[in-house]
């Protein structure tokens, strides 16, 4: 579905609540106090957006 090659020195923790039409995502990125919460629709564009958000 997506092709991502990302080099990360510390692990990024991702929790995904999967549903039929949309998924709730929680990202915990090292070095940041706050976690990110996203809603991702079950579409390729939103999966690509999730991959970009994990890198930022």
PDB file of N, CA and C in Angstrom:
ATOM      1  N   UNK A   1       0.821  -1.180   0.000  1.00  0.00           N
ATOM      2  CA  UNK A   1       0.000   0.000   0.000  1.00  0.00           C
ATOM      3  C   UNK A   1       0.871   1.253   0.000  1.00  0.00           C
ATOM      4  N   UNK A   2       1.760   1.394   0.985  1.00  0.00           N
ATOM      5  CA  UNK A   2       2.659   2.548   1.011  1.00  0.00           C
ATOM      6  C   UNK A   2       4.085   2.053   1.091  1.00  0.00           C
ATOM      7  N   UNK A   3       4.993   2.849   0.581  1.00  0.00           N
ATOM      8  CA  UNK A   3       6.412   2.508   0.628  1.00  0.00           C
ATOM      9  C   UNK A   3       7.106   3.569   1.465  1.00  0.00           C
ATOM     10  N   UNK A   4       7.616   3.169   2.614  1.00  0.00           N
ATOM     11  CA  UNK A   4       8.274   4.135   3.492  1.00  0.00           C
ATOM     12  C   UNK A   4       9.568   3.537   4.017  1.00  0.00           C
ATOM     13  N   UNK A   5      10.643   4.255   3.840  1.00  0.00           N
ATOM     14  CA  UNK A   5      11.919   3.841   4.412  1.00  0.00           C
ATOM     15  C   UNK A   5      12.415   4.997   5.272  1.00  0.00           C
ATOM     16  N   UNK A   6      12.205   4.863   6.576  1.00  0.00           N
ATOM     17  CA  UNK A   6      12.500   5.927   7.519  1.00  0.00           C
ATOM     18  C   UNK A   6      13.500   5.404   8.541  1.00  0.00           C
ATOM     19  N   UNK A   7      14.582   6.146   8.752  1.00  0.00           N
ATOM     20  CA  UNK A   7      15.580   5.762   9.747  1.00  0.00           C
ATOM     21  C   UNK A   7      15.304   6.532  11.032  1.00  0.00           C
ATOM     22  N   UNK A   8      14.915   5.833  12.072  1.00  0.00           N
ATOM     23  CA  UNK A   8      14.601   6.448  13.364  1.00  0.00           C
ATOM     24  C   UNK A   8      15.520   5.826  14.407  1.00  0.00           C
ATOM     25  N   UNK A   9      16.218   6.656  15.197  1.00  0.00           N
ATOM     26  CA  UNK A   9      17.141   6.121  16.192  1.00  0.00           C
ATOM     27  C   UNK A   9      16.421   5.598  17.425  1.00  0.00           C
ATOM     28  N   UNK A  10      15.323   6.225  17.823  1.00  0.00           N
ATOM     29  CA  UNK A  10      14.540   5.769  18.966  1.00  0.00           C
ATOM     30  C   UNK A  10      13.170   5.317  18.477  1.00  0.00           C
ATOM     31  N   UNK A  11      12.578   4.359  19.180  1.00  0.00           N
ATOM     32  CA  UNK A  11      11.277   3.863  18.713  1.00  0.00           C
ATOM     33  C   UNK A  11      10.158   4.883  18.877  1.00  0.00           C
ATOM     34  N   UNK A  12       9.278   4.899  17.914  1.00  0.00           N
ATOM     35  CA  UNK A  12       8.049   5.689  17.976  1.00  0.00           C
ATOM     36  C   UNK A  12       6.942   4.699  18.310  1.00  0.00           C
ATOM     37  N   UNK A  13       6.212   4.977  19.384  1.00  0.00           N
ATOM     38  CA  UNK A  13       5.134   4.082  19.780  1.00  0.00           C
ATOM     39  C   UNK A  13       3.842   4.512  19.100  1.00  0.00           C
ATOM     40  N   UNK A  14       3.166   3.539  18.496  1.00  0.00           N
ATOM     41  CA  UNK A  14       1.939   3.816  17.754  1.00  0.00           C
ATOM     42  C   UNK A  14       0.850   2.868  18.245  1.00  0.00           C
ATOM     43  N   UNK A  15      -0.289   3.437  18.624  1.00  0.00           N
ATOM     44  CA  UNK A  15      -1.462   2.646  18.995  1.00  0.00           C
ATOM     45  C   UNK A  15      -2.553   2.959  17.973  1.00  0.00           C
ATOM     46  N   UNK A  16      -3.144   1.905  17.403  1.00  0.00           N
ATOM     47  CA  UNK A  16      -4.166   2.098  16.372  1.00  0.00           C
ATOM     48  C   UNK A  16      -5.421   1.320  16.753  1.00  0.00           C
ATOM     49  N   UNK A  17      -6.535   2.034  16.824  1.00  0.00           N
ATOM     50  CA  UNK A  17      -7.842   1.427  17.034  1.00  0.00           C
ATOM     51  C   UNK A  17      -8.486   1.304  15.658  1.00  0.00           C
ATOM     52  N   UNK A  18      -8.583   0.082  15.165  1.00  0.00           N
ATOM     53  CA  UNK A  18      -9.026  -0.154  13.795  1.00  0.00           C
ATOM     54  C   UNK A  18     -10.539  -0.364  13.748  1.00  0.00           C
ATOM     55  N   UNK A  19     -11.170   0.330  12.815  1.00  0.00           N
ATOM     56  CA  UNK A  19     -12.606   0.187  12.573  1.00  0.00           C
ATOM     57  C   UNK A  19     -12.828   0.063  11.065  1.00  0.00           C
ATOM     58  N   UNK A  20     -14.060  -0.084  10.673  1.00  0.00           N
ATOM     59  CA  UNK A  20     -14.364  -0.308   9.262  1.00  0.00           C
ATOM     60  C   UNK A  20     -14.066   0.908   8.385  1.00  0.00           C
ATOM     61  N   UNK A  21     -14.515   2.093   8.785  1.00  0.00           N
ATOM     62  CA  UNK A  21     -14.366   3.262   7.917  1.00  0.00           C
ATOM     63  C   UNK A  21     -13.271   4.226   8.355  1.00  0.00           C
ATOM     64  N   UNK A  22     -12.924   4.218   9.652  1.00  0.00           N
ATOM     65  CA  UNK A  22     -11.862   5.115  10.118  1.00  0.00           C
ATOM     66  C   UNK A  22     -11.118   4.477  11.285  1.00  0.00           C
ATOM     67  N   UNK A  23      -9.895   4.932  11.492  1.00  0.00           N
ATOM     68  CA  UNK A  23      -9.033   4.398  12.538  1.00  0.00           C
ATOM     69  C   UNK A  23      -8.556   5.548  13.418  1.00  0.00           C
ATOM     70  N   UNK A  24      -8.507   5.318  14.721  1.00  0.00           N
ATOM     71  CA  UNK A  24      -7.993   6.307  15.665  1.00  0.00           C
ATOM     72  C   UNK A  24      -6.543   5.932  15.967  1.00  0.00           C
ATOM     73  N   UNK A  25      -5.640   6.907  15.865  1.00  0.00           N
ATOM     74  CA  UNK A  25      -4.204   6.663  16.013  1.00  0.00           C
ATOM     75  C   UNK A  25      -3.653   7.550  17.118  1.00  0.00           C
ATOM     76  N   UNK A  26      -2.786   6.969  17.954  1.00  0.00           N
ATOM     77  CA  UNK A  26      -2.088   7.714  18.988  1.00  0.00           C
ATOM     78  C   UNK A  26      -0.596   7.509  18.768  1.00  0.00           C
ATOM     79  N   UNK A  27       0.158   8.610  18.593  1.00  0.00           N
ATOM     80  CA  UNK A  27       1.601   8.558  18.359  1.00  0.00           C
ATOM     81  C   UNK A  27       2.339   9.106  19.572  1.00  0.00           C
ATOM     82  N   UNK A  28       3.315   8.357  20.057  1.00  0.00           N
ATOM     83  CA  UNK A  28       4.187   8.822  21.132  1.00  0.00           C
ATOM     84  C   UNK A  28       5.598   8.904  20.556  1.00  0.00           C
ATOM     85  N   UNK A  29       6.079  10.126  20.378  1.00  0.00           N
ATOM     86  CA  UNK A  29       7.366  10.373  19.726  1.00  0.00           C
ATOM     87  C   UNK A  29       8.403  10.717  20.787  1.00  0.00           C
ATOM     88  N   UNK A  30       9.583  10.084  20.753  1.00  0.00           N
ATOM     89  CA  UNK A  30      10.621  10.362  21.748  1.00  0.00           C
ATOM     90  C   UNK A  30      11.012  11.841  21.764  1.00  0.00           C
ATOM     91  N   UNK A  31      11.217  12.375  22.958  1.00  0.00           N
ATOM     92  CA  UNK A  31      11.634  13.762  23.089  1.00  0.00           C
ATOM     93  C   UNK A  31      10.491  14.759  23.126  1.00  0.00           C
ATOM     94  N   UNK A  32       9.282  14.297  22.978  1.00  0.00           N
ATOM     95  CA  UNK A  32       8.108  15.183  23.021  1.00  0.00           C
ATOM     96  C   UNK A  32       7.228  14.786  24.196  1.00  0.00           C
ATOM     97  N   UNK A  33       6.739  15.778  24.919  1.00  0.00           N
ATOM     98  CA  UNK A  33       5.904  15.501  26.089  1.00  0.00           C
ATOM     99  C   UNK A  33       4.496  15.071  25.701  1.00  0.00           C
ATOM    100  N   UNK A  34       3.963  15.705  24.677  1.00  0.00           N
ATOM    101  CA  UNK A  34       2.582  15.427  24.282  1.00  0.00           C
ATOM    102  C   UNK A  34       2.524  14.349  23.214  1.00  0.00           C
ATOM    103  N   UNK A  35       1.473  13.569  23.284  1.00  0.00           N
ATOM    104  CA  UNK A  35       1.220  12.561  22.255  1.00  0.00           C
ATOM    105  C   UNK A  35       0.332  13.169  21.182  1.00  0.00           C
ATOM    106  N   UNK A  36       0.452  12.640  19.975  1.00  0.00           N
ATOM    107  CA  UNK A  36      -0.394  13.102  18.872  1.00  0.00           C
ATOM    108  C   UNK A  36      -1.541  12.131  18.675  1.00  0.00           C
ATOM    109  N   UNK A  37      -2.704  12.680  18.452  1.00  0.00           N
ATOM    110  CA  UNK A  37      -3.884  11.872  18.181  1.00  0.00           C
ATOM    111  C   UNK A  37      -4.400  12.227  16.795  1.00  0.00           C
ATOM    112  N   UNK A  38      -4.646  11.210  15.986  1.00  0.00           N
ATOM    113  CA  UNK A  38      -5.114  11.413  14.616  1.00  0.00           C
ATOM    114  C   UNK A  38      -6.288  10.489  14.329  1.00  0.00           C
ATOM    115  N   UNK A  39      -7.142  10.940  13.443  1.00  0.00           N
ATOM    116  CA  UNK A  39      -8.174  10.084  12.878  1.00  0.00           C
ATOM    117  C   UNK A  39      -7.808   9.856  11.422  1.00  0.00           C
ATOM    118  N   UNK A  40      -7.728   8.587  11.039  1.00  0.00           N
ATOM    119  CA  UNK A  40      -7.318   8.221   9.686  1.00  0.00           C
ATOM    120  C   UNK A  40      -8.465   7.472   9.023  1.00  0.00           C
ATOM    121  N   UNK A  41      -8.927   7.991   7.891  1.00  0.00           N
ATOM    122  CA  UNK A  41      -9.957   7.284   7.128  1.00  0.00           C
ATOM    123  C   UNK A  41      -9.334   6.084   6.434  1.00  0.00           C
ATOM    124  N   UNK A  42     -10.139   5.116   6.108  1.00  0.00           N
ATOM    125  CA  UNK A  42      -9.654   3.908   5.458  1.00  0.00           C
ATOM    126  C   UNK A  42      -9.442   4.173   3.962  1.00  0.00           C
ATOM    127  N   UNK A  43      -8.505   5.090   3.666  1.00  0.00           N
ATOM    128  CA  UNK A  43      -8.177   5.493   2.297  1.00  0.00           C
ATOM    129  C   UNK A  43      -6.666   5.658   2.186  1.00  0.00           C
ATOM    130  N   UNK A  44      -6.132   5.435   1.005  1.00  0.00           N
ATOM    131  CA  UNK A  44      -4.693   5.523   0.781  1.00  0.00           C
ATOM    132  C   UNK A  44      -4.139   6.906   1.117  1.00  0.00           C
ATOM    133  N   UNK A  45      -4.849   7.964   0.753  1.00  0.00           N
ATOM    134  CA  UNK A  45      -4.377   9.325   1.055  1.00  0.00           C
ATOM    135  C   UNK A  45      -4.175   9.532   2.551  1.00  0.00           C
ATOM    136  N   UNK A  46      -5.087   9.024   3.359  1.00  0.00           N
ATOM    137  CA  UNK A  46      -4.959   9.181   4.808  1.00  0.00           C
ATOM    138  C   UNK A  46      -3.842   8.310   5.378  1.00  0.00           C
ATOM    139  N   UNK A  47      -3.620   7.122   4.819  1.00  0.00           N
ATOM    140  CA  UNK A  47      -2.499   6.295   5.272  1.00  0.00           C
ATOM    141  C   UNK A  47      -1.171   6.989   4.962  1.00  0.00           C
ATOM    142  N   UNK A  48      -1.079   7.608   3.796  1.00  0.00           N
ATOM    143  CA  UNK A  48       0.132   8.363   3.449  1.00  0.00           C
ATOM    144  C   UNK A  48       0.324   9.556   4.383  1.00  0.00           C
ATOM    145  N   UNK A  49      -0.767  10.219   4.750  1.00  0.00           N
ATOM    146  CA  UNK A  49      -0.698  11.338   5.704  1.00  0.00           C
ATOM    147  C   UNK A  49      -0.191  10.843   7.060  1.00  0.00           C
ATOM    148  N   UNK A  50      -0.636   9.675   7.477  1.00  0.00           N
ATOM    149  CA  UNK A  50      -0.166   9.092   8.734  1.00  0.00           C
ATOM    150  C   UNK A  50       1.338   8.833   8.684  1.00  0.00           C
ATOM    151  N   UNK A  51       1.823   8.315   7.570  1.00  0.00           N
ATOM    152  CA  UNK A  51       3.262   8.054   7.432  1.00  0.00           C
ATOM    153  C   UNK A  51       4.057   9.353   7.494  1.00  0.00           C
ATOM    154  N   UNK A  52       3.569  10.401   6.860  1.00  0.00           N
ATOM    155  CA  UNK A  52       4.261  11.699   6.914  1.00  0.00           C
ATOM    156  C   UNK A  52       4.244  12.269   8.324  1.00  0.00           C
ATOM    157  N   UNK A  53       3.138  12.132   9.032  1.00  0.00           N
ATOM    158  CA  UNK A  53       3.018  12.664  10.397  1.00  0.00           C
ATOM    159  C   UNK A  53       3.990  11.974  11.346  1.00  0.00           C
ATOM    160  N   UNK A  54       4.212  10.693  11.145  1.00  0.00           N
ATOM    161  CA  UNK A  54       5.140   9.964  12.008  1.00  0.00           C
ATOM    162  C   UNK A  54       6.569  10.438  11.868  1.00  0.00           C
ATOM    163  N   UNK A  55       6.895  11.017  10.731  1.00  0.00           N
ATOM    164  CA  UNK A  55       8.257  11.480  10.457  1.00  0.00           C
ATOM    165  C   UNK A  55       8.485  12.878  11.003  1.00  0.00           C
ATOM    166  N   UNK A  56       7.469  13.715  10.986  1.00  0.00           N
ATOM    167  CA  UNK A  56       7.606  15.125  11.399  1.00  0.00           C
ATOM    168  C   UNK A  56       7.967  15.266  12.857  1.00  0.00           C
TER     169      UNK A  56
END
